[in-house]
Amino acid sequence: MVMICCNNIFSEIQKIQSSARDHFQKIFTDHEKLKMQLESQKNELELRKIELEKREAHNESERKKLAEEMEEVCVFLILLHLPVMYCD
């Protein structure tokens, strides 16, 4: 009787240990999966950051070119109107 009882207890302990191992493995696997997803997301954000920085630099360059062109146009307009101003 005691032997049967001990076997049952031992069997229950093994089930609990197995369940705990399985649960730990699932937690570990889920953790690794989330870690990989976060690393992937971080890499994507880094690539977006680099792309946005490139666009920002390009936009700044285009803004400077536009400002220079507008300045040239203004100079030409002033020069075109200059004789008219002196005639007045």
C-alpha atoms as a PDB file:
ATOM      1  CA  MET A   1       0.000   0.000   0.000  1.00  0.00           C
ATOM      2  CA  VAL A   2       2.788   2.417   0.925  1.00  0.00           C
ATOM      3  CA  MET A   3       4.628   1.457  -2.261  1.00  0.00           C
ATOM      4  CA  ILE A   4       1.585   2.247  -4.417  1.00  0.00           C
ATOM      5  CA  CYS A   5       1.154   5.552  -2.621  1.00  0.00           C
ATOM      6  CA  CYS A   6       4.838   6.467  -3.141  1.00  0.00           C
ATOM      7  CA  ASN A   7       4.624   5.517  -6.817  1.00  0.00           C
ATOM      8  CA  ASN A   8       1.575   7.736  -7.227  1.00  0.00           C
ATOM      9  CA  ILE A   9       3.328  10.640  -5.491  1.00  0.00           C
ATOM     10  CA  PHE A  10       6.469  10.106  -7.579  1.00  0.00           C
ATOM     11  CA  SER A  11       4.352   9.962 -10.730  1.00  0.00           C
ATOM     12  CA  GLU A  12       2.560  13.186  -9.782  1.00  0.00           C
ATOM     13  CA  ILE A  13       5.878  14.897  -9.051  1.00  0.00           C
ATOM     14  CA  GLN A  14       7.175  13.832 -12.473  1.00  0.00           C
ATOM     15  CA  LYS A  15       4.029  15.203 -14.140  1.00  0.00           C
ATOM     16  CA  ILE A  16       4.406  18.509 -12.294  1.00  0.00           C
ATOM     17  CA  GLN A  17       8.099  18.722 -13.210  1.00  0.00           C
ATOM     18  CA  SER A  18       7.332  17.903 -16.838  1.00  0.00           C
ATOM     19  CA  SER A  19       4.566  20.487 -16.919  1.00  0.00           C
ATOM     20  CA  ALA A  20       6.893  23.073 -15.370  1.00  0.00           C
ATOM     21  CA  ARG A  21       9.610  22.268 -17.931  1.00  0.00           C
ATOM     22  CA  ASP A  22       7.115  22.549 -20.793  1.00  0.00           C
ATOM     23  CA  HIS A  23       5.809  25.838 -19.403  1.00  0.00           C
ATOM     24  CA  PHE A  24       9.352  27.202 -19.004  1.00  0.00           C
ATOM     25  CA  GLN A  25      10.238  26.101 -22.545  1.00  0.00           C
ATOM     26  CA  LYS A  26       7.145  27.859 -23.919  1.00  0.00           C
ATOM     27  CA  ILE A  27       8.020  31.045 -22.024  1.00  0.00           C
ATOM     28  CA  PHE A  28      11.612  30.857 -23.266  1.00  0.00           C
ATOM     29  CA  THR A  29      10.505  30.235 -26.867  1.00  0.00           C
ATOM     30  CA  ASP A  30       7.987  33.081 -26.733  1.00  0.00           C
ATOM     31  CA  HIS A  31      10.644  35.357 -25.248  1.00  0.00           C
ATOM     32  CA  GLU A  32      13.104  34.511 -28.028  1.00  0.00           C
ATOM     33  CA  LYS A  33      10.427  35.054 -30.667  1.00  0.00           C
ATOM     34  CA  LEU A  34       9.534  38.475 -29.223  1.00  0.00           C
ATOM     35  CA  LYS A  35      13.208  39.370 -28.974  1.00  0.00           C
ATOM     36  CA  MET A  36      13.707  38.545 -32.655  1.00  0.00           C
ATOM     37  CA  GLN A  37      10.615  40.566 -33.618  1.00  0.00           C
ATOM     38  CA  LEU A  38      11.865  43.555 -31.636  1.00  0.00           C
ATOM     39  CA  GLU A  39      15.329  43.284 -33.217  1.00  0.00           C
ATOM     40  CA  SER A  40      13.717  43.165 -36.644  1.00  0.00           C
ATOM     41  CA  GLN A  41      11.548  46.173 -35.814  1.00  0.00           C
ATOM     42  CA  LYS A  42      14.613  48.037 -34.513  1.00  0.00           C
ATOM     43  CA  ASN A  43      16.481  47.318 -37.756  1.00  0.00           C
ATOM     44  CA  GLU A  44      13.521  48.515 -39.828  1.00  0.00           C
ATOM     45  CA  LEU A  45      13.360  51.725 -37.780  1.00  0.00           C
ATOM     46  CA  GLU A  46      17.097  52.267 -38.222  1.00  0.00           C
ATOM     47  CA  LEU A  47      16.696  51.891 -41.989  1.00  0.00           C
ATOM     48  CA  ARG A  48      13.765  54.337 -41.962  1.00  0.00           C
ATOM     49  CA  LYS A  49      15.852  56.782 -39.915  1.00  0.00           C
ATOM     50  CA  ILE A  50      18.693  56.606 -42.441  1.00  0.00           C
ATOM     51  CA  GLU A  51      16.255  57.071 -45.330  1.00  0.00           C
ATOM     52  CA  LEU A  52      14.631  60.065 -43.627  1.00  0.00           C
ATOM     53  CA  GLU A  53      18.037  61.605 -42.945  1.00  0.00           C
ATOM     54  CA  LYS A  54      18.930  61.196 -46.628  1.00  0.00           C
ATOM     55  CA  ARG A  55      15.639  62.797 -47.641  1.00  0.00           C
ATOM     56  CA  GLU A  56      16.186  65.614 -45.162  1.00  0.00           C
ATOM     57  CA  ALA A  57      19.650  66.293 -46.593  1.00  0.00           C
ATOM     58  CA  HIS A  58      18.244  66.178 -50.131  1.00  0.00           C
ATOM     59  CA  ASN A  59      15.376  68.489 -49.184  1.00  0.00           C
ATOM     60  CA  GLU A  60      17.803  70.937 -47.583  1.00  0.00           C
ATOM     61  CA  SER A  61      19.941  70.866 -50.720  1.00  0.00           C
ATOM     62  CA  GLU A  62      16.877  71.433 -52.903  1.00  0.00           C
ATOM     63  CA  ARG A  63      15.721  74.235 -50.578  1.00  0.00           C
ATOM     64  CA  LYS A  64      19.110  75.971 -50.962  1.00  0.00           C
ATOM     65  CA  LYS A  65      19.007  75.586 -54.751  1.00  0.00           C
ATOM     66  CA  LEU A  66      15.498  77.009 -54.831  1.00  0.00           C
ATOM     67  CA  ALA A  67      16.527  79.946 -52.640  1.00  0.00           C
ATOM     68  CA  GLU A  68      19.487  80.638 -54.942  1.00  0.00           C
ATOM     69  CA  GLU A  69      17.277  80.451 -58.037  1.00  0.00           C
ATOM     70  CA  MET A  70      14.718  82.768 -56.449  1.00  0.00           C
ATOM     71  CA  GLU A  71      17.490  85.203 -55.574  1.00  0.00           C
ATOM     72  CA  GLU A  72      18.748  85.110 -59.180  1.00  0.00           C
ATOM     73  CA  VAL A  73      15.227  85.728 -60.483  1.00  0.00           C
ATOM     74  CA  CYS A  74      14.814  88.644 -58.089  1.00  0.00           C
ATOM     75  CA  VAL A  75      18.136  90.100 -59.251  1.00  0.00           C
ATOM     76  CA  PHE A  76      17.069  89.762 -62.895  1.00  0.00           C
ATOM     77  CA  LEU A  77      13.699  91.336 -62.125  1.00  0.00           C
ATOM     78  CA  ILE A  78      15.404  94.224 -60.370  1.00  0.00           C
ATOM     79  CA  LEU A  79      17.778  94.650 -63.308  1.00  0.00           C
ATOM     80  CA  LEU A  80      14.885  94.539 -65.769  1.00  0.00           C
ATOM     81  CA  HIS A  81      12.989  97.164 -63.817  1.00  0.00           C
ATOM     82  CA  LEU A  82      16.011  99.293 -63.065  1.00  0.00           C
ATOM     83  CA  PRO A  83      15.838 101.395 -66.243  1.00  0.00           C
ATOM     84  CA  VAL A  84      12.131 101.910 -65.655  1.00  0.00           C
ATOM     85  CA  MET A  85      12.852 103.145 -62.161  1.00  0.00           C
ATOM     86  CA  TYR A  86      15.367 105.676 -63.445  1.00  0.00           C
ATOM     87  CA  CYS A  87      12.905 106.880 -66.077  1.00  0.00           C
ATOM     88  CA  ASP A  88      10.296 107.713 -63.478  1.00  0.00           C
END
